Protein backbone atom coordinates (compact mmCIF):
# COMPACT_ATOMS: atom_id res chain seq x y z
CA MET A 1 207.33 -77.47 21.63
CA LEU A 2 210.75 -78.18 23.01
CA VAL A 3 212.91 -75.17 23.13
CA THR A 4 216.66 -75.58 22.89
CA THR A 5 218.00 -72.41 21.42
CA THR A 6 218.17 -68.91 22.46
CA ALA A 7 216.29 -67.66 19.16
CA GLU A 8 213.51 -70.09 20.01
CA LEU A 9 213.23 -68.83 23.41
CA GLU A 10 213.36 -65.16 22.45
CA ALA A 11 210.45 -65.75 19.98
CA VAL A 12 208.14 -67.50 22.24
CA THR A 13 208.86 -65.13 25.37
CA ALA A 14 208.17 -62.14 22.95
CA ARG A 15 204.77 -63.58 22.26
CA LEU A 16 204.04 -64.54 25.77
CA ARG A 17 204.67 -60.93 27.08
CA HIS A 18 201.36 -59.93 25.04
CA GLU A 19 199.22 -62.36 27.10
CA PRO A 20 197.33 -61.41 30.51
CA PHE A 21 198.91 -64.27 32.26
CA VAL A 22 201.38 -67.03 31.73
CA THR A 23 201.50 -70.30 33.68
CA ILE A 24 204.99 -71.51 34.81
CA ASP A 25 206.52 -74.44 36.35
CA THR A 26 210.01 -75.99 36.64
CA GLU A 27 211.77 -79.34 36.93
CA PHE A 28 215.11 -79.45 38.82
CA VAL A 29 217.26 -81.84 40.85
CA ARG A 30 218.67 -80.92 44.30
CA GLU A 31 219.23 -84.15 46.09
CA ARG A 32 223.29 -83.76 45.98
CA THR A 33 223.52 -79.79 45.77
CA TYR A 34 222.58 -76.93 48.08
CA TRP A 35 221.51 -74.93 45.09
CA PRO A 36 218.77 -76.48 42.86
CA GLU A 37 220.00 -77.55 39.36
CA LEU A 38 217.54 -76.16 36.90
CA CYS A 39 216.73 -78.62 34.14
CA LEU A 40 213.41 -77.57 32.47
CA VAL A 41 211.06 -74.43 32.55
CA GLN A 42 207.69 -74.98 31.33
CA LEU A 43 205.52 -72.00 30.14
CA ALA A 44 201.86 -71.86 28.62
CA GLY A 45 200.04 -68.93 27.10
CA GLU A 46 196.75 -69.02 25.36
CA LYS A 47 198.34 -70.78 22.23
CA ASP A 48 201.91 -71.52 23.35
CA VAL A 49 203.05 -74.41 25.38
CA VAL A 50 206.71 -74.74 25.67
CA VAL A 51 209.16 -76.88 27.50
CA ILE A 52 212.56 -75.01 27.81
CA ASP A 53 215.59 -77.10 28.02
CA THR A 54 217.71 -74.83 30.30
CA THR A 55 220.76 -77.34 30.07
CA ALA A 56 220.87 -76.88 26.15
CA PRO A 57 224.40 -75.85 25.10
CA GLY A 58 224.60 -72.15 24.46
CA ILE A 59 221.09 -71.16 25.55
CA ASP A 60 220.72 -67.67 26.92
CA LEU A 61 217.82 -67.43 29.42
CA THR A 62 217.88 -63.52 29.46
CA SER A 63 214.62 -63.25 27.53
CA LEU A 64 212.92 -65.47 30.28
CA GLY A 65 214.06 -63.10 32.77
CA ALA A 66 212.59 -60.18 31.03
CA LEU A 67 209.35 -62.10 30.80
CA LEU A 68 209.39 -62.74 34.55
CA ASP A 69 210.14 -59.21 35.11
CA ASP A 70 207.19 -57.89 33.06
CA ALA A 71 204.50 -56.79 35.55
CA SER A 72 201.90 -56.43 32.95
CA VAL A 73 201.79 -60.33 32.77
CA VAL A 74 200.63 -62.36 35.77
CA LYS A 75 202.81 -65.34 36.46
CA VAL A 76 200.82 -68.23 37.62
CA PHE A 77 202.53 -70.91 39.54
CA HIS A 78 201.35 -73.91 41.74
CA ALA A 79 203.14 -74.24 45.10
CA ALA A 80 205.69 -71.69 43.91
CA ARG A 81 208.30 -71.67 46.80
CA GLN A 82 210.88 -73.73 45.13
CA ASP A 83 210.35 -72.40 41.74
CA LEU A 84 210.79 -68.89 43.20
CA GLU A 85 213.88 -69.89 44.97
CA ILE A 86 215.40 -70.98 41.75
CA PHE A 87 214.49 -67.87 39.81
CA LEU A 88 215.79 -65.61 42.55
CA HIS A 89 219.04 -67.46 42.42
CA LEU A 90 219.15 -67.22 38.59
CA PHE A 91 218.15 -63.68 38.18
CA ASP A 92 218.76 -62.24 41.60
CA HIS A 93 215.17 -61.02 41.82
CA LEU A 94 211.76 -62.67 42.13
CA PRO A 95 209.11 -62.54 39.34
CA ALA A 96 206.82 -59.64 39.23
CA ALA A 97 202.96 -60.06 39.31
CA LEU A 98 203.02 -63.47 41.01
CA PHE A 99 200.02 -65.65 41.66
CA ASP A 100 200.22 -69.09 43.47
CA THR A 101 197.20 -71.52 42.90
CA GLN A 102 198.04 -73.63 45.76
CA VAL A 103 197.75 -70.54 48.21
CA ALA A 104 194.39 -69.58 46.29
CA ALA A 105 193.15 -73.05 46.70
CA MET A 106 193.72 -72.86 50.39
CA VAL A 107 191.83 -69.59 50.64
CA ALA A 108 189.00 -71.21 48.53
CA GLY A 109 188.63 -74.13 50.64
CA TYR A 110 190.06 -76.96 48.80
CA GLY A 111 192.31 -78.20 51.60
CA ASP A 112 195.73 -77.67 53.30
CA GLN A 113 198.44 -77.45 50.79
CA VAL A 114 196.49 -79.25 48.11
CA GLY A 115 198.61 -80.94 45.42
CA TYR A 116 198.41 -80.00 41.83
CA ASP A 117 197.11 -83.33 40.66
CA ASN A 118 194.16 -83.22 43.29
CA LEU A 119 193.40 -79.79 42.40
CA VAL A 120 193.24 -80.56 38.70
CA SER A 121 191.07 -83.52 39.53
CA SER A 122 188.72 -81.36 41.86
CA LEU A 123 188.20 -78.33 39.58
CA LEU A 124 188.55 -80.00 36.19
CA GLY A 125 187.57 -83.74 36.50
CA VAL A 126 190.89 -84.87 34.86
CA GLN A 127 193.37 -87.26 36.20
CA ILE A 128 196.95 -86.30 35.46
CA ASP A 129 199.32 -89.30 34.52
CA LYS A 130 201.98 -89.54 37.36
CA SER A 131 204.36 -92.19 35.70
CA HIS A 132 207.06 -89.50 35.22
CA ARG A 133 207.00 -87.77 38.53
CA PHE A 134 210.26 -89.21 39.55
CA SER A 135 212.11 -88.74 36.33
CA ASP A 136 215.78 -87.91 36.39
CA TRP A 137 215.15 -84.44 34.67
CA ALA A 138 218.84 -83.88 34.31
CA ALA A 139 219.28 -86.81 31.96
CA ARG A 140 219.26 -86.25 28.17
CA PRO A 141 217.64 -86.98 25.81
CA LEU A 142 214.21 -86.46 27.25
CA SER A 143 211.59 -88.77 25.96
CA PRO A 144 208.37 -87.54 24.34
CA ALA A 145 206.41 -88.92 27.33
CA GLN A 146 208.47 -86.69 29.72
CA ILE A 147 208.08 -83.61 27.56
CA GLY A 148 204.35 -84.30 27.50
CA TYR A 149 204.24 -84.75 31.38
CA ALA A 150 206.19 -81.49 31.87
CA ALA A 151 203.91 -79.66 29.52
CA ALA A 152 200.64 -80.86 31.38
CA ASP A 153 201.86 -79.05 34.51
CA VAL A 154 201.18 -75.77 32.88
CA THR A 155 198.44 -76.50 30.45
CA TYR A 156 195.93 -77.57 32.94
CA LEU A 157 197.15 -74.83 35.23
CA ARG A 158 195.64 -72.19 32.97
CA LEU A 159 192.05 -73.56 33.58
CA VAL A 160 192.64 -74.09 37.26
CA TYR A 161 193.85 -70.41 37.47
CA GLU A 162 190.76 -69.04 35.56
CA LYS A 163 188.32 -71.14 37.75
CA LEU A 164 189.87 -70.19 41.18
CA LEU A 165 189.86 -66.44 40.02
CA VAL A 166 186.27 -66.47 39.33
CA GLN A 167 185.34 -68.11 42.68
CA LEU A 168 187.68 -65.98 44.66
CA GLU A 169 186.05 -62.78 43.04
CA ARG A 170 182.66 -64.04 43.68
CA GLU A 171 183.45 -64.60 47.24
CA GLY A 172 185.46 -61.42 47.77
CA ARG A 173 188.66 -63.27 48.90
CA LEU A 174 191.10 -61.95 46.35
CA ASP A 175 192.48 -59.72 49.14
CA TRP A 176 193.14 -62.77 51.31
CA VAL A 177 195.31 -64.30 48.62
CA ALA A 178 197.07 -61.01 47.88
CA ALA A 179 197.98 -60.97 51.71
CA GLU A 180 199.45 -64.36 51.72
CA LEU A 181 201.37 -63.77 48.41
CA ASP A 182 203.17 -60.94 50.20
CA ILE A 183 205.44 -63.73 51.90
CA LEU A 184 206.24 -65.12 48.49
CA ASN A 185 206.91 -61.64 46.98
CA ASN A 186 209.66 -60.99 49.79
CA PRO A 187 213.27 -62.11 48.84
CA THR A 188 214.01 -62.62 52.51
CA THR A 189 211.52 -65.52 52.38
CA PHE A 190 214.20 -67.47 50.39
CA ARG A 191 217.25 -65.68 51.82
CA PRO A 192 216.83 -65.86 55.57
CA ASP A 193 219.40 -64.17 57.83
CA PRO A 194 221.96 -66.83 58.67
CA LEU A 195 222.12 -65.54 62.27
CA THR A 196 218.45 -66.49 62.81
CA LEU A 197 218.60 -70.26 61.40
CA TRP A 198 219.46 -71.55 64.81
CA GLU A 199 215.98 -70.92 66.10
CA LYS A 200 214.53 -73.42 63.75
CA MET A 201 216.40 -76.02 65.69
CA ARG A 202 214.25 -75.35 68.73
CA PRO A 203 216.92 -75.56 71.37
CA ARG A 204 215.55 -76.29 74.79
CA THR A 205 217.94 -74.47 76.88
CA ASN A 206 218.38 -70.86 78.38
CA ASN A 207 222.14 -71.27 78.29
CA ARG A 208 223.05 -68.16 76.33
CA ARG A 209 226.69 -69.28 75.86
CA MET A 210 225.35 -72.46 74.29
CA LEU A 211 222.85 -70.59 72.14
CA GLY A 212 225.66 -68.18 71.06
CA ILE A 213 227.68 -71.19 69.75
CA LEU A 214 224.69 -72.65 68.05
CA ARG A 215 223.77 -69.39 66.34
CA ALA A 216 227.47 -69.06 65.16
CA VAL A 217 227.81 -72.49 63.84
CA ALA A 218 224.40 -72.70 62.22
CA ALA A 219 225.20 -69.48 60.27
CA TRP A 220 228.61 -71.00 59.38
CA ARG A 221 227.07 -74.09 58.05
CA GLU A 222 224.71 -72.20 55.69
CA GLY A 223 227.59 -70.18 54.10
CA GLU A 224 229.85 -73.23 53.83
CA ALA A 225 226.98 -75.46 52.37
CA GLN A 226 226.49 -72.79 49.77
CA ARG A 227 230.22 -72.42 49.07
CA VAL A 228 230.65 -76.03 48.48
CA ASN A 229 227.18 -76.44 47.07
CA VAL A 230 225.95 -79.38 49.22
CA PRO A 231 222.84 -79.78 51.27
CA ARG A 232 223.17 -78.28 54.67
CA GLN A 233 222.22 -81.56 56.40
CA ARG A 234 224.54 -83.45 54.30
CA LEU A 235 227.48 -81.22 55.33
CA LEU A 236 226.51 -81.32 59.05
CA LYS A 237 223.39 -82.49 60.70
CA ASP A 238 221.37 -80.41 63.16
CA GLU A 239 222.15 -82.87 65.66
CA SER A 240 225.80 -82.49 65.24
CA LEU A 241 225.49 -78.77 65.58
CA MET A 242 223.57 -79.05 68.84
CA GLU A 243 226.27 -81.29 70.30
CA ILE A 244 229.08 -78.77 69.12
CA ALA A 245 227.25 -75.97 70.73
CA ALA A 246 226.85 -78.03 74.02
CA THR A 247 230.58 -79.19 74.15
CA ALA A 248 232.35 -76.23 72.37
CA PRO A 249 235.12 -78.41 70.87
CA ALA A 250 238.43 -76.55 70.76
CA THR A 251 240.60 -79.15 68.83
CA ILE A 252 240.51 -81.50 66.00
CA ASP A 253 240.44 -84.50 68.28
CA ALA A 254 237.44 -82.94 70.22
CA LEU A 255 235.32 -82.15 66.95
CA ALA A 256 236.12 -85.67 65.54
CA ARG A 257 234.37 -87.11 68.50
CA VAL A 258 231.16 -85.26 67.85
CA ARG A 259 228.52 -87.54 66.51
CA GLY A 260 228.24 -87.34 62.76
CA VAL A 261 231.60 -85.61 62.22
CA SER A 262 234.14 -87.56 60.35
CA ARG A 263 237.81 -87.51 61.15
CA GLY A 264 238.56 -86.27 57.61
CA PHE A 265 236.12 -83.46 58.11
CA ALA A 266 237.57 -82.32 61.27
CA GLU A 267 241.12 -82.40 59.88
CA GLY A 268 240.17 -80.49 56.69
CA ARG A 269 239.44 -76.82 55.69
CA SER A 270 235.85 -76.97 56.71
CA GLY A 271 236.68 -78.52 60.14
CA GLN A 272 239.41 -75.85 60.71
CA ALA A 273 237.00 -73.06 59.87
CA LEU A 274 234.31 -74.49 62.12
CA LEU A 275 236.81 -74.72 65.06
CA GLU A 276 237.67 -70.90 64.49
CA THR A 277 233.97 -70.15 64.41
CA VAL A 278 233.40 -71.84 67.76
CA ALA A 279 236.40 -70.21 69.29
CA GLN A 280 234.91 -66.79 68.28
CA ALA A 281 231.52 -67.67 69.78
CA VAL A 282 233.17 -68.97 73.05
CA ALA A 283 234.87 -65.42 73.38
CA GLU A 284 231.81 -63.35 72.46
CA PRO A 285 230.82 -60.83 75.04
CA GLU A 286 228.01 -61.99 77.29
CA ALA A 287 225.98 -58.98 76.47
CA THR A 288 225.65 -59.92 72.80
CA LEU A 289 224.54 -63.53 73.37
CA PRO A 290 221.22 -64.52 72.07
CA ARG A 291 218.30 -65.35 74.19
CA LEU A 292 215.46 -67.83 73.26
CA PRO A 293 212.79 -66.03 71.05
CA LYS A 294 209.99 -64.49 73.13
CA GLY A 295 207.50 -67.21 74.06
CA ARG A 296 210.09 -70.05 73.09
CA ALA A 297 211.34 -70.14 76.87
CA LYS A 298 208.07 -71.33 77.79
CA ASP A 299 208.35 -74.41 75.71
CA ALA A 300 209.37 -76.14 78.84
CA GLN A 301 205.96 -75.41 80.35
CA ARG A 302 203.82 -77.60 78.03
CA PRO A 303 200.22 -76.17 77.14
CA SER A 304 197.20 -78.03 78.46
CA PRO A 305 196.32 -80.76 75.95
CA ALA A 306 192.75 -80.15 76.71
CA LEU A 307 192.95 -76.40 75.96
CA ILE A 308 194.84 -77.22 72.74
CA ALA A 309 191.97 -79.82 71.73
CA LEU A 310 189.55 -77.03 72.26
CA LEU A 311 191.23 -74.56 70.17
CA LYS A 312 191.75 -77.25 67.34
CA VAL A 313 188.01 -77.82 67.43
CA LEU A 314 187.27 -74.19 67.22
CA LEU A 315 189.70 -73.81 64.44
CA ALA A 316 188.27 -76.63 62.42
CA SER A 317 184.69 -75.37 63.04
CA CYS A 318 185.67 -71.69 61.86
CA CYS A 319 187.41 -73.08 58.88
CA GLU A 320 184.47 -75.25 58.07
CA THR A 321 181.99 -72.48 58.16
CA HIS A 322 184.24 -70.24 56.07
CA ARG A 323 185.49 -72.94 53.82
CA VAL A 324 189.26 -72.14 54.29
CA ALA A 325 192.14 -74.45 55.02
CA PRO A 326 192.98 -74.45 58.90
CA LYS A 327 196.73 -74.54 58.22
CA LEU A 328 196.33 -71.32 56.47
CA VAL A 329 194.82 -69.73 59.48
CA ALA A 330 196.82 -71.08 62.50
CA SER A 331 199.56 -73.53 62.90
CA SER A 332 199.84 -76.12 65.71
CA GLU A 333 202.91 -73.98 67.02
CA ASP A 334 200.57 -70.94 66.79
CA LEU A 335 197.85 -72.69 68.89
CA ASP A 336 200.61 -73.76 71.62
CA ARG A 337 201.88 -70.12 71.84
CA PHE A 338 198.42 -68.87 72.32
CA ALA A 339 197.56 -71.32 74.87
CA LEU A 340 200.56 -70.38 76.96
CA ASP A 341 200.35 -66.77 76.47
CA ASP A 342 197.23 -64.52 75.82
CA ALA A 343 199.53 -61.87 74.60
CA ALA A 344 201.13 -64.17 71.93
CA ASP A 345 201.61 -62.36 68.57
CA ILE A 346 200.60 -64.89 66.01
CA PRO A 347 199.16 -64.44 62.58
CA ALA A 348 195.72 -65.59 63.58
CA PHE A 349 195.11 -62.21 65.48
CA HIS A 350 195.64 -60.16 62.28
CA GLY A 351 193.72 -59.45 59.22
CA TRP A 352 191.26 -61.72 57.74
CA ARG A 353 192.37 -64.47 60.13
CA ASN A 354 191.34 -62.51 63.15
CA GLU A 355 187.88 -62.27 61.75
CA VAL A 356 187.71 -65.87 60.78
CA PHE A 357 189.21 -67.34 63.97
CA GLY A 358 191.34 -65.09 66.12
CA LYS A 359 188.66 -63.11 67.88
CA LEU A 360 186.64 -66.25 68.67
CA ALA A 361 189.82 -67.95 70.05
CA ARG A 362 190.18 -65.00 72.66
CA GLU A 363 186.60 -65.35 73.47
CA LEU A 364 186.99 -69.19 74.16
CA LYS A 365 190.06 -68.65 76.20
CA ALA A 366 188.44 -65.99 78.30
CA GLY A 367 185.43 -68.19 78.91
CA ARG A 368 182.99 -66.06 76.80
CA LEU A 369 182.44 -68.87 74.31
CA THR A 370 181.37 -72.26 74.64
CA MET A 371 180.91 -75.10 72.08
CA GLY A 372 178.06 -77.30 71.53
CA VAL A 373 176.59 -79.72 68.90
CA ALA A 374 173.54 -79.12 66.83
CA GLY A 375 172.52 -80.80 63.63
CA GLY A 376 175.73 -82.88 63.47
CA LYS A 377 177.92 -79.72 63.48
CA VAL A 378 179.80 -77.61 66.15
CA ARG A 379 177.62 -74.77 67.37
CA LEU A 380 179.40 -71.90 69.23
CA ILE A 381 177.50 -70.17 71.97
CA HIS A 382 178.42 -66.73 73.12
CA ASP A 383 177.75 -65.79 76.70
């Protein structure tokens, strides 16, 4: 069913609020904008499967927001981050009672960030038609094939959710999933502090003045990208911000010489605002300038490749034993940090991850654990 009116939407959401769970997906475009442009919302209950045309003239999505707010109905997504970002921007809060089948599948041992198509194939033995994956969802009218493709994203998701739920309950891992979903339930996951965005660029300098300028211009770029609604990298690339931080341009001419900055940009409103931001950062008191995040200063000192290789083998072995996705337990950056610093505070040393891998990683690095091979598998030998 294609929903194009407020009355149709209110009727279907009223029915769905009596369901124990509802599966949800979205279709959107954002190649040319900072904010995703929502085109469709797909919903499925036990009997209802609807595709909501969010671009339909006059349609009011208030009843959809009420459904998302209803904590008595579990909202089931697959790879929910972009969907949640859209709903947070649209309704100013996140859906209540969230479940993400991609997170659940990683906990259940179906691989790292498993795609919806592959999960449906693994659990249901069904191959999904991918021919409309790259449709222009903003174009109208939608074809019956496009609508059918969009609806499939939530119909099979019901069966995937039910199967995963049974497996996770049987294995006692629902608490693991709940711990991971805490991240998705936190609005700051989707609204990071602009003053921390510079850290993601991983600058390799201890020059605090340069870091201060980088912090300021990265925060400025985020706000400006939101204001003019263009992707941040299209406004100014990371490489341009790094050069601006290093050279601290004070004039239009100097800004225009930065790679990736056009003369028109430098002379315009955005360029003037950027120069003012740089000037303020140059004048910032020394005491308030940032430092590299704890542990990042050691990046110049690279960890032993052999130690990293050992930790990766241990991680793979532990995850094979417990049938859980390695990336969910520890990232490559986590392993690098631990290899350099025994006291590194990484997720692998907390909660269920510590039981699966963290304790053993500490033993390995301390020389109290060795690894061998028996029966074609890695064997852990405790001293």
